[in-house]
């Protein structure tokens, strides 16, 4: 598999992390470079690591990931997005802004958005492609898009005022729904 194909796959895989990063930027009162970098590094590392894991485990885990991975991602994203929406509806909008990062939630989001990358790793093993160079490209592109997503989300926040948590929650739920629909063949991509 060539560099152009790997780059296109990387951009495609990074879109979920990019959208989640936008929602994280919406939650921030102001962009803190350290927080934006932590989000980007976490998403980038998980997106880079999952193809390697998929490549290593190959056929042994493929059927489990293909049968249940989409449900796990959907449930995680729906639960986190639903909680964000619930906080806005309940009037806890000040809690939607943060000055730091909830590492546990960030890791859960990183796993949920990188499950597809695991399947790509399995595919790379079957194709005999270099998983390490592909993982590096996937990680770098995800890092860049995630960092940009945080900045973009925070820049748009003032337009949405105290409803930022609502928009962020909707984004996460829609990503989860897209993953589920894609698995059942109901999605265009």
N, C-alpha and C. Protein backbone atom coordinates (compact mmCIF):
# COMPACT_ATOMS: atom_id res chain seq x y z
N UNK A 1 0.86 -1.18 0.00
CA UNK A 1 0.00 0.00 0.00
C UNK A 1 0.89 1.23 0.00
N UNK A 2 0.60 2.17 -0.88
CA UNK A 2 1.43 3.34 -1.05
C UNK A 2 1.12 4.46 -0.07
N UNK A 3 1.98 5.47 -0.12
CA UNK A 3 1.86 6.61 0.80
C UNK A 3 0.53 7.34 0.62
N UNK A 4 0.09 7.52 -0.61
CA UNK A 4 -1.17 8.23 -0.86
C UNK A 4 -2.34 7.46 -0.26
N UNK A 5 -2.36 6.15 -0.45
CA UNK A 5 -3.44 5.34 0.11
C UNK A 5 -3.43 5.40 1.63
N UNK A 6 -2.24 5.28 2.21
CA UNK A 6 -2.11 5.33 3.68
C UNK A 6 -2.56 6.70 4.20
N UNK A 7 -2.19 7.76 3.48
CA UNK A 7 -2.58 9.10 3.90
C UNK A 7 -4.10 9.27 3.85
N UNK A 8 -4.72 8.78 2.80
CA UNK A 8 -6.19 8.86 2.70
C UNK A 8 -6.86 8.05 3.80
N UNK A 9 -6.32 6.88 4.10
CA UNK A 9 -6.86 6.08 5.20
C UNK A 9 -6.69 6.83 6.52
N UNK A 10 -5.52 7.43 6.70
CA UNK A 10 -5.24 8.16 7.94
C UNK A 10 -6.21 9.33 8.13
N UNK A 11 -6.46 10.08 7.07
CA UNK A 11 -7.40 11.21 7.17
C UNK A 11 -8.80 10.68 7.49
N UNK A 12 -9.19 9.61 6.85
CA UNK A 12 -10.50 9.03 7.12
C UNK A 12 -10.62 8.56 8.56
N UNK A 13 -9.59 7.88 9.07
CA UNK A 13 -9.61 7.41 10.45
C UNK A 13 -9.59 8.57 11.44
N UNK A 14 -8.95 9.67 11.08
CA UNK A 14 -8.81 10.81 11.99
C UNK A 14 -10.08 11.65 12.10
N UNK A 15 -11.05 11.45 11.22
CA UNK A 15 -12.24 12.30 11.22
C UNK A 15 -13.04 12.20 12.52
N UNK A 16 -13.16 11.02 13.09
CA UNK A 16 -13.87 10.89 14.36
C UNK A 16 -13.14 11.64 15.47
N UNK A 17 -11.82 11.48 15.53
CA UNK A 17 -11.03 12.18 16.54
C UNK A 17 -11.10 13.69 16.32
N UNK A 18 -11.12 14.12 15.08
CA UNK A 18 -11.25 15.54 14.76
C UNK A 18 -12.58 16.10 15.29
N UNK A 19 -13.66 15.37 15.04
CA UNK A 19 -14.98 15.83 15.50
C UNK A 19 -15.05 15.85 17.02
N UNK A 20 -14.50 14.83 17.67
CA UNK A 20 -14.50 14.81 19.13
C UNK A 20 -13.64 15.95 19.66
N UNK A 21 -12.54 16.24 18.99
CA UNK A 21 -11.67 17.35 19.40
C UNK A 21 -12.40 18.68 19.31
N UNK A 22 -13.22 18.83 18.29
CA UNK A 22 -14.05 20.04 18.18
C UNK A 22 -14.95 20.15 19.40
N UNK A 23 -15.56 19.04 19.80
CA UNK A 23 -16.45 19.08 20.96
C UNK A 23 -15.67 19.40 22.23
N UNK A 24 -14.43 18.91 22.34
CA UNK A 24 -13.61 19.24 23.51
C UNK A 24 -13.26 20.73 23.50
N UNK A 25 -12.97 21.27 22.33
CA UNK A 25 -12.70 22.71 22.22
C UNK A 25 -13.91 23.54 22.59
N UNK A 26 -15.10 23.06 22.24
CA UNK A 26 -16.34 23.75 22.62
C UNK A 26 -16.50 23.80 24.13
N UNK A 27 -16.03 22.76 24.82
CA UNK A 27 -16.16 22.70 26.27
C UNK A 27 -15.22 23.64 27.00
N UNK A 28 -14.12 24.00 26.38
CA UNK A 28 -13.11 24.81 27.06
C UNK A 28 -13.52 26.27 27.15
N UNK A 29 -13.32 26.82 28.32
CA UNK A 29 -13.56 28.26 28.50
C UNK A 29 -12.60 29.04 27.62
N UNK A 30 -11.37 28.61 27.61
CA UNK A 30 -10.33 29.19 26.74
C UNK A 30 -9.38 28.07 26.39
N UNK A 31 -8.72 28.20 25.26
CA UNK A 31 -7.79 27.16 24.83
C UNK A 31 -6.55 27.23 25.71
N UNK A 32 -6.23 26.11 26.28
CA UNK A 32 -4.99 25.95 27.04
C UNK A 32 -4.11 25.05 26.17
N UNK A 33 -3.00 25.55 25.75
CA UNK A 33 -2.13 24.83 24.83
C UNK A 33 -1.81 23.43 25.34
N UNK A 34 -1.52 23.33 26.64
CA UNK A 34 -1.19 22.04 27.23
C UNK A 34 -2.35 21.05 27.08
N UNK A 35 -3.57 21.52 27.29
CA UNK A 35 -4.75 20.65 27.16
C UNK A 35 -4.97 20.25 25.70
N UNK A 36 -4.84 21.19 24.79
CA UNK A 36 -5.01 20.90 23.37
C UNK A 36 -3.96 19.88 22.90
N UNK A 37 -2.73 20.04 23.37
CA UNK A 37 -1.67 19.10 23.02
C UNK A 37 -1.94 17.72 23.61
N UNK A 38 -2.43 17.67 24.85
CA UNK A 38 -2.72 16.39 25.49
C UNK A 38 -3.82 15.65 24.73
N UNK A 39 -4.85 16.35 24.34
CA UNK A 39 -5.93 15.74 23.54
C UNK A 39 -5.37 15.21 22.23
N UNK A 40 -4.60 16.02 21.54
CA UNK A 40 -4.04 15.62 20.25
C UNK A 40 -3.08 14.44 20.39
N UNK A 41 -2.24 14.46 21.42
CA UNK A 41 -1.30 13.36 21.64
C UNK A 41 -2.05 12.07 21.96
N UNK A 42 -3.06 12.16 22.81
CA UNK A 42 -3.82 10.97 23.20
C UNK A 42 -4.52 10.36 21.99
N UNK A 43 -5.24 11.19 21.22
CA UNK A 43 -5.91 10.68 20.03
C UNK A 43 -4.90 10.13 19.02
N UNK A 44 -3.81 10.86 18.80
CA UNK A 44 -2.80 10.43 17.85
C UNK A 44 -2.15 9.11 18.25
N UNK A 45 -1.84 8.95 19.53
CA UNK A 45 -1.20 7.72 19.99
C UNK A 45 -2.15 6.52 19.88
N UNK A 46 -3.40 6.72 20.25
CA UNK A 46 -4.35 5.60 20.14
C UNK A 46 -4.60 5.24 18.67
N UNK A 47 -4.72 6.26 17.82
CA UNK A 47 -4.93 5.98 16.39
C UNK A 47 -3.71 5.28 15.79
N UNK A 48 -2.52 5.59 16.28
CA UNK A 48 -1.30 4.94 15.79
C UNK A 48 -1.14 3.55 16.40
N UNK A 49 -1.54 3.39 17.64
CA UNK A 49 -1.36 2.12 18.32
C UNK A 49 -2.34 1.03 17.91
N UNK A 50 -3.57 1.43 17.61
CA UNK A 50 -4.58 0.43 17.27
C UNK A 50 -4.26 -0.36 15.99
N UNK A 51 -3.74 0.25 14.92
CA UNK A 51 -3.38 -0.57 13.76
C UNK A 51 -2.28 -1.58 14.10
N UNK A 52 -1.37 -1.19 14.98
CA UNK A 52 -0.31 -2.12 15.38
C UNK A 52 -0.91 -3.30 16.14
N UNK A 53 -1.84 -3.01 17.05
CA UNK A 53 -2.51 -4.10 17.77
C UNK A 53 -3.30 -4.99 16.81
N UNK A 54 -4.02 -4.37 15.89
CA UNK A 54 -4.78 -5.14 14.91
C UNK A 54 -3.89 -6.02 14.06
N UNK A 55 -2.76 -5.48 13.67
CA UNK A 55 -1.79 -6.22 12.87
C UNK A 55 -1.24 -7.40 13.67
N UNK A 56 -0.95 -7.19 14.97
CA UNK A 56 -0.37 -8.23 15.82
C UNK A 56 -1.36 -9.37 16.08
N UNK A 57 -2.59 -9.03 16.28
CA UNK A 57 -3.56 -10.06 16.64
C UNK A 57 -4.30 -10.65 15.45
N UNK A 58 -4.32 -9.91 14.34
CA UNK A 58 -4.86 -10.41 13.09
C UNK A 58 -6.14 -11.20 13.18
N UNK A 59 -6.09 -12.38 12.68
CA UNK A 59 -7.28 -13.21 12.57
C UNK A 59 -7.87 -13.62 13.91
N UNK A 60 -7.07 -13.76 14.94
CA UNK A 60 -7.57 -14.23 16.22
C UNK A 60 -8.66 -13.33 16.79
N UNK A 61 -8.55 -12.04 16.61
CA UNK A 61 -9.53 -11.12 17.19
C UNK A 61 -10.44 -10.46 16.16
N UNK A 62 -10.19 -10.69 14.88
CA UNK A 62 -10.95 -9.99 13.85
C UNK A 62 -12.46 -10.19 14.01
N UNK A 63 -12.87 -11.41 14.23
CA UNK A 63 -14.33 -11.65 14.29
C UNK A 63 -14.97 -10.95 15.49
N UNK A 64 -14.25 -10.83 16.61
CA UNK A 64 -14.82 -10.15 17.78
C UNK A 64 -14.92 -8.65 17.55
N UNK A 65 -13.88 -8.09 16.99
CA UNK A 65 -13.88 -6.65 16.73
C UNK A 65 -14.95 -6.31 15.71
N UNK A 66 -15.04 -7.09 14.66
CA UNK A 66 -16.02 -6.80 13.62
C UNK A 66 -17.45 -6.96 14.14
N UNK A 67 -17.67 -7.88 15.07
CA UNK A 67 -19.03 -8.12 15.57
C UNK A 67 -19.44 -7.18 16.69
N UNK A 68 -18.50 -6.71 17.50
CA UNK A 68 -18.89 -5.94 18.68
C UNK A 68 -18.23 -4.57 18.81
N UNK A 69 -17.19 -4.31 18.06
CA UNK A 69 -16.49 -3.03 18.18
C UNK A 69 -17.37 -1.83 17.90
N UNK A 70 -18.24 -1.93 16.91
CA UNK A 70 -19.13 -0.82 16.57
C UNK A 70 -20.10 -0.54 17.71
N UNK A 71 -20.58 -1.60 18.38
CA UNK A 71 -21.49 -1.40 19.51
C UNK A 71 -20.78 -0.74 20.68
N UNK A 72 -19.55 -1.16 20.96
CA UNK A 72 -18.78 -0.56 22.05
C UNK A 72 -18.55 0.93 21.79
N UNK A 73 -18.15 1.27 20.57
CA UNK A 73 -17.92 2.68 20.24
C UNK A 73 -19.22 3.48 20.35
N UNK A 74 -20.31 2.93 19.84
CA UNK A 74 -21.60 3.62 19.90
C UNK A 74 -22.02 3.87 21.35
N UNK A 75 -21.94 2.86 22.19
CA UNK A 75 -22.37 2.99 23.59
C UNK A 75 -21.51 4.01 24.33
N UNK A 76 -20.19 3.95 24.14
CA UNK A 76 -19.30 4.90 24.82
C UNK A 76 -19.59 6.34 24.39
N UNK A 77 -19.68 6.56 23.08
CA UNK A 77 -19.90 7.92 22.58
C UNK A 77 -21.30 8.42 22.94
N UNK A 78 -22.30 7.55 22.89
CA UNK A 78 -23.66 7.94 23.24
C UNK A 78 -23.73 8.32 24.72
N UNK A 79 -23.09 7.54 25.58
CA UNK A 79 -23.13 7.81 27.02
C UNK A 79 -22.44 9.13 27.36
N UNK A 80 -21.28 9.36 26.78
CA UNK A 80 -20.56 10.60 27.07
C UNK A 80 -21.29 11.80 26.49
N UNK A 81 -21.77 11.67 25.25
CA UNK A 81 -22.53 12.76 24.62
C UNK A 81 -23.83 13.03 25.36
N UNK A 82 -24.52 11.97 25.75
CA UNK A 82 -25.77 12.13 26.50
C UNK A 82 -25.56 12.84 27.82
N UNK A 83 -24.45 12.53 28.50
CA UNK A 83 -24.14 13.20 29.77
C UNK A 83 -23.89 14.69 29.54
N UNK A 84 -23.21 15.03 28.46
CA UNK A 84 -22.97 16.44 28.16
C UNK A 84 -24.28 17.18 27.92
N UNK A 85 -25.17 16.57 27.15
CA UNK A 85 -26.47 17.18 26.87
C UNK A 85 -27.28 17.30 28.15
N UNK A 86 -27.27 16.26 28.96
CA UNK A 86 -28.01 16.26 30.22
C UNK A 86 -27.54 17.40 31.13
N UNK A 87 -26.22 17.62 31.20
CA UNK A 87 -25.68 18.70 32.02
C UNK A 87 -26.18 20.06 31.55
N UNK A 88 -26.28 20.26 30.23
CA UNK A 88 -26.77 21.54 29.71
C UNK A 88 -28.26 21.70 30.04
N UNK A 89 -29.04 20.66 29.80
CA UNK A 89 -30.48 20.71 30.07
C UNK A 89 -30.74 20.95 31.56
N UNK A 90 -29.92 20.32 32.39
CA UNK A 90 -30.07 20.46 33.85
C UNK A 90 -29.59 21.83 34.33
N UNK A 91 -28.86 22.52 33.50
CA UNK A 91 -28.40 23.86 33.87
C UNK A 91 -27.01 23.89 34.45
N UNK A 92 -26.25 22.83 34.27
CA UNK A 92 -24.89 22.76 34.78
C UNK A 92 -23.89 23.20 33.72
N UNK A 93 -24.19 24.29 33.02
CA UNK A 93 -23.32 24.69 31.90
C UNK A 93 -21.94 25.11 32.37
N UNK A 94 -21.81 25.62 33.57
CA UNK A 94 -20.48 25.98 34.04
C UNK A 94 -19.58 24.76 34.19
N UNK A 95 -20.18 23.61 34.46
CA UNK A 95 -19.40 22.39 34.59
C UNK A 95 -18.93 21.89 33.23
N UNK A 96 -19.54 22.36 32.16
CA UNK A 96 -19.11 21.92 30.83
C UNK A 96 -17.79 22.55 30.43
N UNK A 97 -17.46 23.68 31.02
CA UNK A 97 -16.17 24.29 30.76
C UNK A 97 -15.17 23.74 31.76
N UNK A 98 -13.95 23.54 31.33
CA UNK A 98 -12.96 23.02 32.24
C UNK A 98 -11.64 23.69 31.98
N UNK A 99 -10.83 23.61 32.96
CA UNK A 99 -9.49 24.16 32.83
C UNK A 99 -8.46 23.05 32.66
N UNK A 100 -8.85 21.83 32.96
CA UNK A 100 -7.95 20.69 32.84
C UNK A 100 -8.60 19.60 32.00
N UNK A 101 -8.00 18.45 32.02
CA UNK A 101 -8.47 17.33 31.22
C UNK A 101 -8.82 16.17 32.15
N UNK A 102 -9.98 15.56 31.90
CA UNK A 102 -10.36 14.33 32.59
C UNK A 102 -9.70 13.20 31.79
N UNK A 103 -8.61 12.68 32.32
CA UNK A 103 -7.81 11.69 31.60
C UNK A 103 -8.61 10.42 31.32
N UNK A 104 -9.39 9.96 32.28
CA UNK A 104 -10.17 8.74 32.08
C UNK A 104 -11.14 8.90 30.91
N UNK A 105 -11.85 10.02 30.88
CA UNK A 105 -12.79 10.27 29.80
C UNK A 105 -12.06 10.41 28.46
N UNK A 106 -10.90 11.04 28.47
CA UNK A 106 -10.12 11.20 27.25
C UNK A 106 -9.65 9.85 26.71
N UNK A 107 -9.26 8.95 27.58
CA UNK A 107 -8.83 7.62 27.15
C UNK A 107 -10.01 6.85 26.57
N UNK A 108 -11.18 6.95 27.22
CA UNK A 108 -12.37 6.27 26.70
C UNK A 108 -12.71 6.81 25.31
N UNK A 109 -12.67 8.12 25.14
CA UNK A 109 -12.94 8.72 23.83
C UNK A 109 -11.89 8.28 22.80
N UNK A 110 -10.64 8.18 23.23
CA UNK A 110 -9.57 7.76 22.33
C UNK A 110 -9.79 6.33 21.85
N UNK A 111 -10.21 5.47 22.76
CA UNK A 111 -10.49 4.08 22.39
C UNK A 111 -11.68 4.03 21.44
N UNK A 112 -12.75 4.75 21.80
CA UNK A 112 -13.97 4.73 20.99
C UNK A 112 -13.74 5.22 19.57
N UNK A 113 -12.89 6.23 19.41
CA UNK A 113 -12.65 6.78 18.08
C UNK A 113 -11.58 6.03 17.30
N UNK A 114 -10.90 5.07 17.93
CA UNK A 114 -9.81 4.39 17.22
C UNK A 114 -10.10 2.91 16.96
N UNK A 115 -11.31 2.46 17.23
CA UNK A 115 -11.64 1.05 16.99
C UNK A 115 -11.50 0.70 15.50
N UNK A 116 -11.91 1.61 14.63
CA UNK A 116 -11.76 1.36 13.19
C UNK A 116 -10.30 1.16 12.80
N UNK A 117 -9.40 1.85 13.50
CA UNK A 117 -7.97 1.73 13.19
C UNK A 117 -7.46 0.32 13.49
N UNK A 118 -8.06 -0.35 14.46
CA UNK A 118 -7.71 -1.74 14.75
C UNK A 118 -7.98 -2.62 13.53
N UNK A 119 -9.17 -2.44 12.96
CA UNK A 119 -9.55 -3.23 11.78
C UNK A 119 -8.62 -2.92 10.61
N UNK A 120 -8.19 -1.67 10.48
CA UNK A 120 -7.23 -1.32 9.43
C UNK A 120 -5.93 -2.08 9.64
N UNK A 121 -5.50 -2.21 10.88
CA UNK A 121 -4.29 -2.97 11.17
C UNK A 121 -4.41 -4.42 10.76
N UNK A 122 -5.58 -5.02 10.99
CA UNK A 122 -5.82 -6.39 10.56
C UNK A 122 -5.70 -6.47 9.04
N UNK A 123 -6.30 -5.51 8.36
CA UNK A 123 -6.24 -5.48 6.89
C UNK A 123 -4.81 -5.33 6.40
N UNK A 124 -4.03 -4.49 7.07
CA UNK A 124 -2.63 -4.30 6.67
C UNK A 124 -1.84 -5.60 6.82
N UNK A 125 -2.17 -6.38 7.83
CA UNK A 125 -1.48 -7.67 8.01
C UNK A 125 -1.77 -8.59 6.83
N UNK A 126 -3.01 -8.61 6.37
CA UNK A 126 -3.37 -9.46 5.24
C UNK A 126 -2.73 -8.99 3.94
N UNK A 127 -2.53 -7.69 3.82
CA UNK A 127 -1.93 -7.14 2.60
C UNK A 127 -0.41 -7.21 2.62
N UNK A 128 0.16 -7.52 3.78
CA UNK A 128 1.61 -7.58 3.89
C UNK A 128 2.26 -6.21 3.90
N UNK A 129 1.48 -5.18 4.23
CA UNK A 129 2.01 -3.81 4.26
C UNK A 129 2.74 -3.54 5.58
N UNK A 130 3.59 -2.56 5.53
CA UNK A 130 4.33 -2.14 6.73
C UNK A 130 3.38 -1.43 7.68
N UNK A 131 3.08 -2.05 8.79
CA UNK A 131 2.14 -1.46 9.74
C UNK A 131 2.77 -0.29 10.48
N UNK A 132 4.07 -0.32 10.69
CA UNK A 132 4.70 0.71 11.50
C UNK A 132 4.75 2.06 10.78
N UNK A 133 5.05 2.06 9.50
CA UNK A 133 5.03 3.33 8.76
C UNK A 133 3.60 3.84 8.62
N UNK A 134 2.65 2.93 8.40
CA UNK A 134 1.25 3.33 8.31
C UNK A 134 0.77 3.91 9.64
N UNK A 135 1.14 3.27 10.74
CA UNK A 135 0.74 3.74 12.07
C UNK A 135 1.31 5.12 12.35
N UNK A 136 2.54 5.35 11.92
CA UNK A 136 3.17 6.66 12.12
C UNK A 136 2.40 7.74 11.36
N UNK A 137 2.06 7.48 10.11
CA UNK A 137 1.30 8.45 9.31
C UNK A 137 -0.08 8.69 9.94
N UNK A 138 -0.74 7.62 10.34
CA UNK A 138 -2.07 7.73 10.96
C UNK A 138 -1.98 8.55 12.23
N UNK A 139 -0.97 8.29 13.06
CA UNK A 139 -0.81 9.03 14.32
C UNK A 139 -0.53 10.50 14.11
N UNK A 140 0.34 10.82 13.17
CA UNK A 140 0.69 12.22 12.92
C UNK A 140 -0.51 12.99 12.37
N UNK A 141 -1.21 12.41 11.42
CA UNK A 141 -2.37 13.10 10.84
C UNK A 141 -3.46 13.28 11.89
N UNK A 142 -3.68 12.26 12.71
CA UNK A 142 -4.69 12.39 13.77
C UNK A 142 -4.28 13.46 14.77
N UNK A 143 -3.00 13.51 15.13
CA UNK A 143 -2.51 14.54 16.04
C UNK A 143 -2.79 15.94 15.50
N UNK A 144 -2.42 16.16 14.25
CA UNK A 144 -2.59 17.49 13.64
C UNK A 144 -4.07 17.87 13.57
N UNK A 145 -4.91 16.95 13.09
CA UNK A 145 -6.34 17.26 12.96
C UNK A 145 -7.01 17.42 14.33
N UNK A 146 -6.58 16.65 15.31
CA UNK A 146 -7.16 16.78 16.66
C UNK A 146 -6.79 18.12 17.29
N UNK A 147 -5.54 18.52 17.14
CA UNK A 147 -5.11 19.81 17.67
C UNK A 147 -5.90 20.93 17.00
N UNK A 148 -6.02 20.85 15.68
CA UNK A 148 -6.79 21.86 14.94
C UNK A 148 -8.26 21.84 15.36
N UNK A 149 -8.79 20.66 15.63
CA UNK A 149 -10.19 20.53 16.05
C UNK A 149 -10.46 21.23 17.38
N UNK A 150 -9.55 21.10 18.32
CA UNK A 150 -9.70 21.79 19.61
C UNK A 150 -9.74 23.29 19.39
N UNK A 151 -8.82 23.79 18.58
CA UNK A 151 -8.77 25.24 18.31
C UNK A 151 -10.03 25.70 17.58
N UNK A 152 -10.47 24.93 16.60
CA UNK A 152 -11.67 25.28 15.85
C UNK A 152 -12.91 25.28 16.74
N UNK A 153 -13.04 24.24 17.55
CA UNK A 153 -14.19 24.17 18.47
C UNK A 153 -14.22 25.31 19.44
N UNK A 154 -13.06 25.65 19.99
CA UNK A 154 -13.02 26.75 20.94
C UNK A 154 -13.28 28.07 20.27
N UNK A 155 -12.82 28.22 19.03
CA UNK A 155 -13.07 29.45 18.29
C UNK A 155 -14.55 29.65 17.98
N UNK A 156 -15.27 28.57 17.79
CA UNK A 156 -16.70 28.64 17.49
C UNK A 156 -17.55 28.76 18.75
N UNK A 157 -16.95 28.53 19.90
CA UNK A 157 -17.69 28.49 21.16
C UNK A 157 -18.46 29.78 21.44
N UNK A 158 -17.86 30.90 21.17
CA UNK A 158 -18.53 32.16 21.48
C UNK A 158 -19.83 32.32 20.69
N UNK A 159 -19.91 31.72 19.53
CA UNK A 159 -21.13 31.78 18.74
C UNK A 159 -22.23 30.95 19.36
N UNK A 160 -21.84 29.92 20.11
CA UNK A 160 -22.83 29.01 20.69
C UNK A 160 -23.11 29.29 22.16
N UNK A 161 -22.32 30.16 22.77
CA UNK A 161 -22.51 30.57 24.15
C UNK A 161 -22.53 29.38 25.09
N UNK A 162 -23.55 29.35 25.97
CA UNK A 162 -23.59 28.30 26.99
C UNK A 162 -24.12 26.97 26.46
N UNK A 163 -24.44 26.89 25.19
CA UNK A 163 -24.93 25.64 24.61
C UNK A 163 -23.80 24.81 24.01
N UNK A 164 -22.57 25.17 24.29
CA UNK A 164 -21.43 24.43 23.74
C UNK A 164 -21.48 22.96 24.13
N UNK A 165 -21.84 22.68 25.37
CA UNK A 165 -21.94 21.29 25.81
C UNK A 165 -23.00 20.53 25.04
N UNK A 166 -24.09 21.20 24.68
CA UNK A 166 -25.15 20.57 23.91
C UNK A 166 -24.62 20.18 22.52
N UNK A 167 -23.93 21.11 21.86
CA UNK A 167 -23.38 20.83 20.53
C UNK A 167 -22.33 19.72 20.61
N UNK A 168 -21.46 19.78 21.61
CA UNK A 168 -20.45 18.75 21.78
C UNK A 168 -21.07 17.38 22.00
N UNK A 169 -22.10 17.32 22.83
CA UNK A 169 -22.79 16.06 23.08
C UNK A 169 -23.46 15.52 21.84
N UNK A 170 -24.09 16.39 21.07
CA UNK A 170 -24.73 15.97 19.82
C UNK A 170 -23.69 15.43 18.85
N UNK A 171 -22.54 16.09 18.76
CA UNK A 171 -21.47 15.62 17.88
C UNK A 171 -21.05 14.21 18.27
N UNK A 172 -20.85 13.97 19.57
CA UNK A 172 -20.42 12.63 20.00
C UNK A 172 -21.48 11.58 19.70
N UNK A 173 -22.74 11.90 19.94
CA UNK A 173 -23.82 10.94 19.66
C UNK A 173 -23.90 10.66 18.17
N UNK A 174 -23.77 11.69 17.35
CA UNK A 174 -23.82 11.48 15.90
C UNK A 174 -22.65 10.64 15.40
N UNK A 175 -21.48 10.83 15.99
CA UNK A 175 -20.33 10.00 15.61
C UNK A 175 -20.62 8.54 15.97
N UNK A 176 -21.13 8.31 17.17
CA UNK A 176 -21.48 6.95 17.58
C UNK A 176 -22.51 6.33 16.67
N UNK A 177 -23.52 7.11 16.31
CA UNK A 177 -24.57 6.63 15.41
C UNK A 177 -24.01 6.32 14.02
N UNK A 178 -23.10 7.18 13.54
CA UNK A 178 -22.47 6.95 12.25
C UNK A 178 -21.68 5.65 12.25
N UNK A 179 -20.96 5.39 13.33
CA UNK A 179 -20.20 4.14 13.43
C UNK A 179 -21.13 2.95 13.36
N UNK A 180 -22.25 3.03 14.08
CA UNK A 180 -23.21 1.93 14.10
C UNK A 180 -23.85 1.74 12.72
N UNK A 181 -24.28 2.83 12.09
CA UNK A 181 -24.90 2.74 10.77
C UNK A 181 -23.92 2.25 9.71
N UNK A 182 -22.67 2.68 9.83
CA UNK A 182 -21.63 2.25 8.89
C UNK A 182 -21.45 0.74 8.96
N UNK A 183 -21.52 0.20 10.15
CA UNK A 183 -21.37 -1.24 10.32
C UNK A 183 -22.52 -2.00 9.62
N UNK A 184 -23.71 -1.44 9.69
CA UNK A 184 -24.87 -2.10 9.08
C UNK A 184 -25.04 -1.73 7.61
N UNK A 185 -24.07 -1.00 7.05
CA UNK A 185 -24.11 -0.67 5.63
C UNK A 185 -25.07 0.45 5.28
N UNK A 186 -25.43 1.27 6.25
CA UNK A 186 -26.41 2.36 6.02
C UNK A 186 -25.73 3.70 5.83
N UNK A 187 -24.40 3.74 5.77
CA UNK A 187 -23.67 5.00 5.67
C UNK A 187 -23.03 5.11 4.29
N UNK A 188 -22.91 6.34 3.84
CA UNK A 188 -22.32 6.60 2.52
C UNK A 188 -20.83 6.36 2.49
N UNK A 189 -20.14 6.45 3.65
CA UNK A 189 -18.68 6.29 3.62
C UNK A 189 -18.25 4.98 4.14
